[in-house]
């Protein structure tokens, strides 16, 4: 049994809150640069070049890539042979978020009550997803999620007869309706299966994948490619200015489901696509 002080989790979460907001990931930079080479629309190309310049400024000056520094979403995989000492898990994570958003001068975007709208002042509480796994390590992923892209999310409970083509049509049409609202180029997270609540989680988890890495199941990898092609044929383009790069990638995650159900969820990530992982 390994003993791990919860203070270590707090320190890691604090650091990741700052770094994910200010340091573009390697895969995001690569995808942006590749898209600059592909985009033919003058307005779309200009938007992509400004996005790339913004990434450079953020990384060099240590400032946020976007003024919306997001609701902190934290994924925790805890080894079953780890004993957390000195406090409880969720308090430690919330404290890391509080410190990170204060010390990183990041915008506080959380309200205490959804209708009365009083800001908590420190971007807590975070959304925490916890999973128990074998081993004696803790895997922490911090994925700040901005309101513009998160608002362009949806869940639909299809009949099984909708099938592959029904899902493709639904996802593409949803991206068309979203238009410029999620700040494209987007990463399109798609969950298929599970249940009403599980499918939304699947869509969000898919966004943690390295951008453009295909689903290991060739059936779904081909589906990802087909959806991406149809989305980029919509002509929405970078920041909605027109062009062929509306989305960087489509990521699909699936789970078993009830014989009478076919749940589908779409969760879009904006062009800053923030997430980092540390194993403790």
C-alpha atoms as a PDB file:
ATOM      1  CA  UNK A   1       0.000   0.000   0.000  1.00  0.00           C
ATOM      2  CA  UNK A   2       1.417   3.372  -1.039  1.00  0.00           C
ATOM      3  CA  UNK A   3       0.644   6.435   1.072  1.00  0.00           C
ATOM      4  CA  UNK A   4       0.214   9.666  -0.878  1.00  0.00           C
ATOM      5  CA  UNK A   5      -0.307  13.035   0.854  1.00  0.00           C
ATOM      6  CA  UNK A   6      -3.263  14.844  -0.691  1.00  0.00           C
ATOM      7  CA  UNK A   7      -1.169  18.016  -0.712  1.00  0.00           C
ATOM      8  CA  UNK A   8       0.701  16.542  -3.684  1.00  0.00           C
ATOM      9  CA  UNK A   9      -2.586  16.381  -5.584  1.00  0.00           C
ATOM     10  CA  UNK A  10      -3.304  20.003  -4.731  1.00  0.00           C
ATOM     11  CA  UNK A  11       0.084  21.100  -6.077  1.00  0.00           C
ATOM     12  CA  UNK A  12      -0.333  19.166  -9.313  1.00  0.00           C
ATOM     13  CA  UNK A  13      -3.857  20.447  -9.927  1.00  0.00           C
ATOM     14  CA  UNK A  14      -2.712  24.025  -9.275  1.00  0.00           C
ATOM     15  CA  UNK A  15       0.113  23.702 -11.774  1.00  0.00           C
ATOM     16  CA  UNK A  16      -2.041  22.047 -14.422  1.00  0.00           C
ATOM     17  CA  UNK A  17      -4.758  24.692 -14.145  1.00  0.00           C
ATOM     18  CA  UNK A  18      -2.173  27.334 -15.056  1.00  0.00           C
ATOM     19  CA  UNK A  19      -0.286  25.332 -17.681  1.00  0.00           C
ATOM     20  CA  UNK A  20      -3.324  24.054 -19.569  1.00  0.00           C
ATOM     21  CA  UNK A  21      -4.588  27.595 -19.963  1.00  0.00           C
ATOM     22  CA  UNK A  22      -1.267  29.133 -20.988  1.00  0.00           C
ATOM     23  CA  UNK A  23       0.695  26.416 -22.799  1.00  0.00           C
ATOM     24  CA  UNK A  24      -0.735  25.011 -26.045  1.00  0.00           C
ATOM     25  CA  UNK A  25      -0.210  21.265 -26.317  1.00  0.00           C
ATOM     26  CA  UNK A  26       2.145  19.807 -28.910  1.00  0.00           C
ATOM     27  CA  UNK A  27      -0.688  18.129 -30.798  1.00  0.00           C
ATOM     28  CA  UNK A  28      -2.704  21.370 -30.902  1.00  0.00           C
ATOM     29  CA  UNK A  29       0.231  23.319 -32.319  1.00  0.00           C
ATOM     30  CA  UNK A  30       0.878  20.606 -34.887  1.00  0.00           C
ATOM     31  CA  UNK A  31      -2.759  20.511 -35.980  1.00  0.00           C
ATOM     32  CA  UNK A  32      -2.937  24.300 -36.230  1.00  0.00           C
ATOM     33  CA  UNK A  33       0.181  24.474 -38.392  1.00  0.00           C
ATOM     34  CA  UNK A  34      -1.027  21.657 -40.633  1.00  0.00           C
ATOM     35  CA  UNK A  35      -4.362  23.430 -41.061  1.00  0.00           C
ATOM     36  CA  UNK A  36      -2.605  26.648 -42.079  1.00  0.00           C
ATOM     37  CA  UNK A  37      -1.058  24.704 -44.943  1.00  0.00           C
ATOM     38  CA  UNK A  38      -4.436  23.274 -46.025  1.00  0.00           C
ATOM     39  CA  UNK A  39      -6.840  26.205 -45.647  1.00  0.00           C
ATOM     40  CA  UNK A  40      -7.610  27.958 -48.954  1.00  0.00           C
ATOM     41  CA  UNK A  41     -10.094  30.557 -47.737  1.00  0.00           C
ATOM     42  CA  UNK A  42      -8.284  33.910 -47.215  1.00  0.00           C
ATOM     43  CA  UNK A  43     -10.460  34.803 -44.215  1.00  0.00           C
ATOM     44  CA  UNK A  44     -10.150  31.314 -42.734  1.00  0.00           C
ATOM     45  CA  UNK A  45      -6.392  31.306 -43.270  1.00  0.00           C
ATOM     46  CA  UNK A  46      -6.066  34.689 -41.584  1.00  0.00           C
ATOM     47  CA  UNK A  47      -8.000  33.372 -38.579  1.00  0.00           C
ATOM     48  CA  UNK A  48      -5.759  30.314 -38.317  1.00  0.00           C
ATOM     49  CA  UNK A  49      -2.615  32.442 -38.468  1.00  0.00           C
ATOM     50  CA  UNK A  50      -3.962  34.643 -35.683  1.00  0.00           C
ATOM     51  CA  UNK A  51      -4.783  31.542 -33.635  1.00  0.00           C
ATOM     52  CA  UNK A  52      -1.204  30.335 -34.079  1.00  0.00           C
ATOM     53  CA  UNK A  53       0.190  33.743 -33.136  1.00  0.00           C
ATOM     54  CA  UNK A  54      -2.006  33.742 -30.043  1.00  0.00           C
ATOM     55  CA  UNK A  55      -0.594  30.345 -29.061  1.00  0.00           C
ATOM     56  CA  UNK A  56       2.948  31.716 -29.331  1.00  0.00           C
ATOM     57  CA  UNK A  57       2.164  34.784 -27.232  1.00  0.00           C
ATOM     58  CA  UNK A  58       0.460  32.688 -24.547  1.00  0.00           C
ATOM     59  CA  UNK A  59       3.393  30.283 -24.318  1.00  0.00           C
ATOM     60  CA  UNK A  60       6.043  33.023 -24.323  1.00  0.00           C
ATOM     61  CA  UNK A  61       4.379  35.450 -21.915  1.00  0.00           C
ATOM     62  CA  UNK A  62       2.607  32.935 -19.695  1.00  0.00           C
ATOM     63  CA  UNK A  63      -0.852  34.380 -20.304  1.00  0.00           C
ATOM     64  CA  UNK A  64      -4.086  32.547 -21.045  1.00  0.00           C
ATOM     65  CA  UNK A  65      -4.806  31.541 -24.633  1.00  0.00           C
ATOM     66  CA  UNK A  66      -8.440  32.562 -24.140  1.00  0.00           C
ATOM     67  CA  UNK A  67     -10.144  34.994 -21.775  1.00  0.00           C
ATOM     68  CA  UNK A  68     -12.612  32.218 -20.917  1.00  0.00           C
ATOM     69  CA  UNK A  69     -10.313  30.073 -18.795  1.00  0.00           C
ATOM     70  CA  UNK A  70     -13.060  27.579 -18.256  1.00  0.00           C
ATOM     71  CA  UNK A  71     -14.812  25.491 -15.687  1.00  0.00           C
ATOM     72  CA  UNK A  72     -12.158  23.137 -14.280  1.00  0.00           C
ATOM     73  CA  UNK A  73     -12.968  19.535 -15.182  1.00  0.00           C
ATOM     74  CA  UNK A  74     -10.696  17.050 -13.420  1.00  0.00           C
ATOM     75  CA  UNK A  75     -10.400  13.352 -14.249  1.00  0.00           C
ATOM     76  CA  UNK A  76      -8.797  11.233 -11.524  1.00  0.00           C
ATOM     77  CA  UNK A  77      -7.742   7.597 -11.844  1.00  0.00           C
ATOM     78  CA  UNK A  78      -6.750   6.312  -8.399  1.00  0.00           C
ATOM     79  CA  UNK A  79      -4.826   3.097  -7.980  1.00  0.00           C
ATOM     80  CA  UNK A  80      -6.591   0.794  -5.552  1.00  0.00           C
ATOM     81  CA  UNK A  81      -3.318   0.348  -3.670  1.00  0.00           C
ATOM     82  CA  UNK A  82      -3.000   4.074  -2.913  1.00  0.00           C
ATOM     83  CA  UNK A  83      -3.914   5.466   0.495  1.00  0.00           C
ATOM     84  CA  UNK A  84      -4.580   9.217   0.369  1.00  0.00           C
ATOM     85  CA  UNK A  85      -3.354  10.815   3.580  1.00  0.00           C
ATOM     86  CA  UNK A  86      -3.793  14.194   5.226  1.00  0.00           C
ATOM     87  CA  UNK A  87      -7.226  15.095   3.898  1.00  0.00           C
ATOM     88  CA  UNK A  88      -9.890  14.080   1.418  1.00  0.00           C
ATOM     89  CA  UNK A  89      -9.565  13.850  -2.349  1.00  0.00           C
ATOM     90  CA  UNK A  90     -12.193  16.347  -3.479  1.00  0.00           C
ATOM     91  CA  UNK A  91     -11.169  19.057  -1.038  1.00  0.00           C
ATOM     92  CA  UNK A  92      -7.571  18.700  -2.213  1.00  0.00           C
ATOM     93  CA  UNK A  93      -8.600  19.062  -5.862  1.00  0.00           C
ATOM     94  CA  UNK A  94     -10.834  22.067  -5.218  1.00  0.00           C
ATOM     95  CA  UNK A  95      -7.980  23.711  -3.324  1.00  0.00           C
ATOM     96  CA  UNK A  96      -5.639  23.129  -6.264  1.00  0.00           C
ATOM     97  CA  UNK A  97      -8.144  24.753  -8.602  1.00  0.00           C
ATOM     98  CA  UNK A  98      -8.590  27.690  -6.213  1.00  0.00           C
ATOM     99  CA  UNK A  99      -4.843  28.277  -5.956  1.00  0.00           C
ATOM    100  CA  UNK A 100      -4.232  27.792  -9.666  1.00  0.00           C
ATOM    101  CA  UNK A 101      -6.863  30.255 -10.766  1.00  0.00           C
ATOM    102  CA  UNK A 102      -5.770  32.817  -8.173  1.00  0.00           C
ATOM    103  CA  UNK A 103      -2.025  32.551  -8.763  1.00  0.00           C
ATOM    104  CA  UNK A 104      -2.360  32.228 -12.537  1.00  0.00           C
ATOM    105  CA  UNK A 105      -4.583  35.320 -12.802  1.00  0.00           C
ATOM    106  CA  UNK A 106      -7.187  33.222 -14.564  1.00  0.00           C
ATOM    107  CA  UNK A 107     -10.807  34.289 -14.929  1.00  0.00           C
ATOM    108  CA  UNK A 108     -13.203  32.958 -12.308  1.00  0.00           C
ATOM    109  CA  UNK A 109     -16.244  31.653 -14.139  1.00  0.00           C
ATOM    110  CA  UNK A 110     -18.193  29.548 -11.623  1.00  0.00           C
ATOM    111  CA  UNK A 111     -21.479  30.634 -10.028  1.00  0.00           C
ATOM    112  CA  UNK A 112     -22.632  29.052  -6.779  1.00  0.00           C
ATOM    113  CA  UNK A 113     -26.248  28.587  -7.831  1.00  0.00           C
ATOM    114  CA  UNK A 114     -27.394  28.125 -11.452  1.00  0.00           C
ATOM    115  CA  UNK A 115     -30.288  30.596 -11.150  1.00  0.00           C
ATOM    116  CA  UNK A 116     -29.146  33.135  -8.540  1.00  0.00           C
ATOM    117  CA  UNK A 117     -25.762  33.450 -10.301  1.00  0.00           C
ATOM    118  CA  UNK A 118     -23.453  34.556  -7.481  1.00  0.00           C
ATOM    119  CA  UNK A 119     -19.824  34.037  -8.514  1.00  0.00           C
ATOM    120  CA  UNK A 120     -17.830  31.854  -6.106  1.00  0.00           C
ATOM    121  CA  UNK A 121     -14.795  34.074  -6.685  1.00  0.00           C
ATOM    122  CA  UNK A 122     -12.189  31.317  -7.070  1.00  0.00           C
ATOM    123  CA  UNK A 123     -13.471  29.078  -9.896  1.00  0.00           C
ATOM    124  CA  UNK A 124     -14.477  26.312  -7.500  1.00  0.00           C
ATOM    125  CA  UNK A 125     -16.010  23.844  -7.237  1.00  0.00           C
ATOM    126  CA  UNK A 126     -14.466  21.812 -10.036  1.00  0.00           C
ATOM    127  CA  UNK A 127     -16.244  19.007 -11.852  1.00  0.00           C
ATOM    128  CA  UNK A 128     -14.518  15.803 -10.713  1.00  0.00           C
ATOM    129  CA  UNK A 129     -14.701  12.387 -12.371  1.00  0.00           C
ATOM    130  CA  UNK A 130     -13.132   9.618 -10.288  1.00  0.00           C
ATOM    131  CA  UNK A 131     -12.233   6.079 -11.328  1.00  0.00           C
ATOM    132  CA  UNK A 132     -10.620   3.308  -9.266  1.00  0.00           C
ATOM    133  CA  UNK A 133      -7.995   1.363 -11.230  1.00  0.00           C
ATOM    134  CA  UNK A 134      -5.368  -1.276 -10.418  1.00  0.00           C
ATOM    135  CA  UNK A 135      -1.968  -0.196  -9.101  1.00  0.00           C
ATOM    136  CA  UNK A 136      -0.467   2.380  -6.775  1.00  0.00           C
ATOM    137  CA  UNK A 137      -0.407   5.529  -8.905  1.00  0.00           C
ATOM    138  CA  UNK A 138      -2.769   8.455  -9.380  1.00  0.00           C
ATOM    139  CA  UNK A 139      -3.399   9.805 -12.861  1.00  0.00           C
ATOM    140  CA  UNK A 140      -4.682  13.396 -12.894  1.00  0.00           C
ATOM    141  CA  UNK A 141      -6.037  15.157 -15.963  1.00  0.00           C
ATOM    142  CA  UNK A 142      -7.158  18.776 -15.846  1.00  0.00           C
ATOM    143  CA  UNK A 143      -9.338  19.899 -18.754  1.00  0.00           C
ATOM    144  CA  UNK A 144     -10.725  23.445 -18.409  1.00  0.00           C
ATOM    145  CA  UNK A 145     -13.908  23.803 -20.492  1.00  0.00           C
ATOM    146  CA  UNK A 146     -15.089  27.159 -21.779  1.00  0.00           C
ATOM    147  CA  UNK A 147     -18.738  28.151 -21.906  1.00  0.00           C
ATOM    148  CA  UNK A 148     -18.933  28.803 -25.645  1.00  0.00           C
ATOM    149  CA  UNK A 149     -18.016  25.273 -26.666  1.00  0.00           C
ATOM    150  CA  UNK A 150     -19.733  23.588 -23.712  1.00  0.00           C
ATOM    151  CA  UNK A 151     -23.012  25.320 -24.542  1.00  0.00           C
ATOM    152  CA  UNK A 152     -22.885  23.663 -27.962  1.00  0.00           C
ATOM    153  CA  UNK A 153     -23.370  20.183 -26.457  1.00  0.00           C
ATOM    154  CA  UNK A 154     -26.286  17.826 -26.878  1.00  0.00           C
ATOM    155  CA  UNK A 155     -27.608  14.370 -26.019  1.00  0.00           C
ATOM    156  CA  UNK A 156     -30.183  12.451 -28.033  1.00  0.00           C
ATOM    157  CA  UNK A 157     -31.752   9.099 -27.239  1.00  0.00           C
ATOM    158  CA  UNK A 158     -32.156   7.397 -30.621  1.00  0.00           C
ATOM    159  CA  UNK A 159     -34.006   4.188 -31.356  1.00  0.00           C
ATOM    160  CA  UNK A 160     -31.527   1.471 -32.373  1.00  0.00           C
ATOM    161  CA  UNK A 161     -32.948   1.631 -35.912  1.00  0.00           C
ATOM    162  CA  UNK A 162     -31.238   5.021 -36.416  1.00  0.00           C
ATOM    163  CA  UNK A 163     -27.999   3.139 -36.957  1.00  0.00           C
ATOM    164  CA  UNK A 164     -24.693   4.425 -38.257  1.00  0.00           C
ATOM    165  CA  UNK A 165     -26.126   6.785 -40.851  1.00  0.00           C
ATOM    166  CA  UNK A 166     -28.558   8.337 -38.390  1.00  0.00           C
ATOM    167  CA  UNK A 167     -25.719   9.126 -36.007  1.00  0.00           C
ATOM    168  CA  UNK A 168     -23.528  10.630 -38.734  1.00  0.00           C
ATOM    169  CA  UNK A 169     -26.361  12.848 -39.945  1.00  0.00           C
ATOM    170  CA  UNK A 170     -27.135  13.962 -36.388  1.00  0.00           C
ATOM    171  CA  UNK A 171     -23.529  14.903 -35.541  1.00  0.00           C
ATOM    172  CA  UNK A 172     -22.921  16.783 -38.782  1.00  0.00           C
ATOM    173  CA  UNK A 173     -26.207  18.663 -38.504  1.00  0.00           C
ATOM    174  CA  UNK A 174     -25.450  19.604 -34.908  1.00  0.00           C
ATOM    175  CA  UNK A 175     -22.082  21.085 -35.899  1.00  0.00           C
ATOM    176  CA  UNK A 176     -23.839  22.977 -38.698  1.00  0.00           C
ATOM    177  CA  UNK A 177     -26.310  24.441 -36.209  1.00  0.00           C
ATOM    178  CA  UNK A 178     -23.515  25.330 -33.785  1.00  0.00           C
ATOM    179  CA  UNK A 179     -21.775  27.360 -36.485  1.00  0.00           C
ATOM    180  CA  UNK A 180     -19.215  29.792 -35.099  1.00  0.00           C
ATOM    181  CA  UNK A 181     -20.480  29.572 -31.498  1.00  0.00           C
ATOM    182  CA  UNK A 182     -17.948  26.960 -30.264  1.00  0.00           C
ATOM    183  CA  UNK A 183     -14.985  28.956 -31.712  1.00  0.00           C
ATOM    184  CA  UNK A 184     -13.865  26.623 -34.508  1.00  0.00           C
ATOM    185  CA  UNK A 185     -11.748  24.850 -35.529  1.00  0.00           C
ATOM    186  CA  UNK A 186     -13.255  22.408 -33.059  1.00  0.00           C
ATOM    187  CA  UNK A 187     -12.562  18.909 -31.892  1.00  0.00           C
ATOM    188  CA  UNK A 188     -15.845  17.023 -32.054  1.00  0.00           C
ATOM    189  CA  UNK A 189     -16.298  14.580 -29.195  1.00  0.00           C
ATOM    190  CA  UNK A 190     -18.938  11.919 -29.824  1.00  0.00           C
ATOM    191  CA  UNK A 191     -20.225   9.420 -27.283  1.00  0.00           C
ATOM    192  CA  UNK A 192     -22.268   6.435 -28.443  1.00  0.00           C
ATOM    193  CA  UNK A 193     -23.944   3.936 -26.128  1.00  0.00           C
ATOM    194  CA  UNK A 194     -24.134   3.537 -22.387  1.00  0.00           C
ATOM    195  CA  UNK A 195     -27.047   5.444 -20.874  1.00  0.00           C
ATOM    196  CA  UNK A 196     -28.345   9.011 -20.750  1.00  0.00           C
ATOM    197  CA  UNK A 197     -25.702  10.164 -18.272  1.00  0.00           C
ATOM    198  CA  UNK A 198     -22.913   7.830 -19.406  1.00  0.00           C
ATOM    199  CA  UNK A 199     -22.966   8.924 -23.039  1.00  0.00           C
ATOM    200  CA  UNK A 200     -22.244  12.561 -22.171  1.00  0.00           C
ATOM    201  CA  UNK A 201     -19.223  11.412 -20.164  1.00  0.00           C
ATOM    202  CA  UNK A 202     -18.021   9.363 -23.144  1.00  0.00           C
ATOM    203  CA  UNK A 203     -18.215  12.392 -25.425  1.00  0.00           C
ATOM    204  CA  UNK A 204     -16.186  14.477 -22.990  1.00  0.00           C
ATOM    205  CA  UNK A 205     -13.591  11.757 -22.375  1.00  0.00           C
ATOM    206  CA  UNK A 206     -13.047  11.452 -26.127  1.00  0.00           C
ATOM    207  CA  UNK A 207     -11.720  15.020 -26.123  1.00  0.00           C
ATOM    208  CA  UNK A 208      -8.788  13.940 -23.941  1.00  0.00           C
ATOM    209  CA  UNK A 209      -7.377  11.868 -26.774  1.00  0.00           C
ATOM    210  CA  UNK A 210      -4.419  13.269 -28.731  1.00  0.00           C
ATOM    211  CA  UNK A 211      -5.959  15.341 -31.515  1.00  0.00           C
ATOM    212  CA  UNK A 212      -6.557  13.262 -34.623  1.00  0.00           C
ATOM    213  CA  UNK A 213      -5.580   9.889 -33.148  1.00  0.00           C
ATOM    214  CA  UNK A 214      -8.157   7.462 -34.498  1.00  0.00           C
ATOM    215  CA  UNK A 215     -10.379   5.143 -32.506  1.00  0.00           C
ATOM    216  CA  UNK A 216      -8.549   1.767 -32.291  1.00  0.00           C
ATOM    217  CA  UNK A 217     -11.627   0.016 -33.720  1.00  0.00           C
ATOM    218  CA  UNK A 218     -11.405   0.413 -37.506  1.00  0.00           C
ATOM    219  CA  UNK A 219     -15.203   0.563 -37.776  1.00  0.00           C
ATOM    220  CA  UNK A 220     -15.327   3.692 -35.628  1.00  0.00           C
ATOM    221  CA  UNK A 221     -12.096   5.105 -37.066  1.00  0.00           C
ATOM    222  CA  UNK A 222     -13.721   5.106 -40.498  1.00  0.00           C
ATOM    223  CA  UNK A 223     -16.826   6.706 -39.016  1.00  0.00           C
ATOM    224  CA  UNK A 224     -14.658   9.466 -37.516  1.00  0.00           C
ATOM    225  CA  UNK A 225     -13.072  10.160 -40.901  1.00  0.00           C
ATOM    226  CA  UNK A 226     -16.430  10.272 -42.661  1.00  0.00           C
ATOM    227  CA  UNK A 227     -17.971  12.648 -40.128  1.00  0.00           C
ATOM    228  CA  UNK A 228     -14.903  14.924 -40.228  1.00  0.00           C
ATOM    229  CA  UNK A 229     -15.051  15.097 -44.021  1.00  0.00           C
ATOM    230  CA  UNK A 230     -18.732  16.019 -43.993  1.00  0.00           C
ATOM    231  CA  UNK A 231     -18.196  18.639 -41.279  1.00  0.00           C
ATOM    232  CA  UNK A 232     -15.350  20.282 -43.163  1.00  0.00           C
ATOM    233  CA  UNK A 233     -17.507  20.366 -46.280  1.00  0.00           C
ATOM    234  CA  UNK A 234     -19.999  22.603 -44.431  1.00  0.00           C
ATOM    235  CA  UNK A 235     -17.874  25.667 -45.176  1.00  0.00           C
ATOM    236  CA  UNK A 236     -18.111  27.161 -41.667  1.00  0.00           C
ATOM    237  CA  UNK A 237     -14.334  27.427 -41.408  1.00  0.00           C
ATOM    238  CA  UNK A 238     -12.021  28.851 -38.745  1.00  0.00           C
ATOM    239  CA  UNK A 239     -13.907  31.146 -36.371  1.00  0.00           C
ATOM    240  CA  UNK A 240     -16.898  30.888 -38.699  1.00  0.00           C
ATOM    241  CA  UNK A 241     -15.225  33.019 -41.408  1.00  0.00           C
ATOM    242  CA  UNK A 242     -15.589  30.353 -44.076  1.00  0.00           C
ATOM    243  CA  UNK A 243     -13.223  27.658 -45.259  1.00  0.00           C
ATOM    244  CA  UNK A 244     -12.464  23.961 -45.133  1.00  0.00           C
ATOM    245  CA  UNK A 245     -11.122  23.636 -41.578  1.00  0.00           C
ATOM    246  CA  UNK A 246     -14.233  23.720 -39.420  1.00  0.00           C
ATOM    247  CA  UNK A 247     -12.936  20.895 -37.203  1.00  0.00           C
ATOM    248  CA  UNK A 248      -9.485  19.528 -36.484  1.00  0.00           C
ATOM    249  CA  UNK A 249     -10.766  16.053 -35.637  1.00  0.00           C
ATOM    250  CA  UNK A 250     -13.689  13.848 -34.662  1.00  0.00           C
ATOM    251  CA  UNK A 251     -13.216  11.489 -31.711  1.00  0.00           C
ATOM    252  CA  UNK A 252     -15.720   8.726 -30.965  1.00  0.00           C
ATOM    253  CA  UNK A 253     -15.946   6.728 -27.733  1.00  0.00           C
ATOM    254  CA  UNK A 254     -18.447   3.917 -27.266  1.00  0.00           C
ATOM    255  CA  UNK A 255     -19.939   1.753 -24.510  1.00  0.00           C
ATOM    256  CA  UNK A 256     -22.416  -1.150 -24.283  1.00  0.00           C
ATOM    257  CA  UNK A 257     -26.053  -0.083 -24.006  1.00  0.00           C
ATOM    258  CA  UNK A 258     -29.601  -1.399 -23.497  1.00  0.00           C
ATOM    259  CA  UNK A 259     -31.207  -3.355 -26.361  1.00  0.00           C
ATOM    260  CA  UNK A 260     -33.920  -0.683 -26.705  1.00  0.00           C
ATOM    261  CA  UNK A 261     -31.597   2.348 -26.661  1.00  0.00           C
ATOM    262  CA  UNK A 262     -29.004   4.123 -28.768  1.00  0.00           C
ATOM    263  CA  UNK A 263     -27.765   7.145 -26.789  1.00  0.00           C
ATOM    264  CA  UNK A 264     -25.604   9.677 -28.658  1.00  0.00           C
ATOM    265  CA  UNK A 265     -23.865  12.758 -27.243  1.00  0.00           C
ATOM    266  CA  UNK A 266     -21.847  15.521 -28.874  1.00  0.00           C
ATOM    267  CA  UNK A 267     -19.390  17.627 -26.863  1.00  0.00           C
ATOM    268  CA  UNK A 268     -17.344  20.195 -28.783  1.00  0.00           C
ATOM    269  CA  UNK A 269     -13.924  21.508 -27.841  1.00  0.00           C
ATOM    270  CA  UNK A 270     -12.914  24.949 -29.079  1.00  0.00           C
ATOM    271  CA  UNK A 271      -9.660  25.700 -30.879  1.00  0.00           C
ATOM    272  CA  UNK A 272      -7.650  25.986 -27.625  1.00  0.00           C
ATOM    273  CA  UNK A 273      -8.477  22.382 -26.662  1.00  0.00           C
ATOM    274  CA  UNK A 274      -7.012  22.446 -23.150  1.00  0.00           C
ATOM    275  CA  UNK A 275      -6.009  19.348 -21.190  1.00  0.00           C
ATOM    276  CA  UNK A 276      -2.903  17.996 -19.509  1.00  0.00           C
ATOM    277  CA  UNK A 277      -2.193  14.805 -17.603  1.00  0.00           C
ATOM    278  CA  UNK A 278       0.271  13.984 -14.820  1.00  0.00           C
ATOM    279  CA  UNK A 279       0.896  10.601 -13.193  1.00  0.00           C
ATOM    280  CA  UNK A 280       1.874  10.771  -9.537  1.00  0.00           C
END
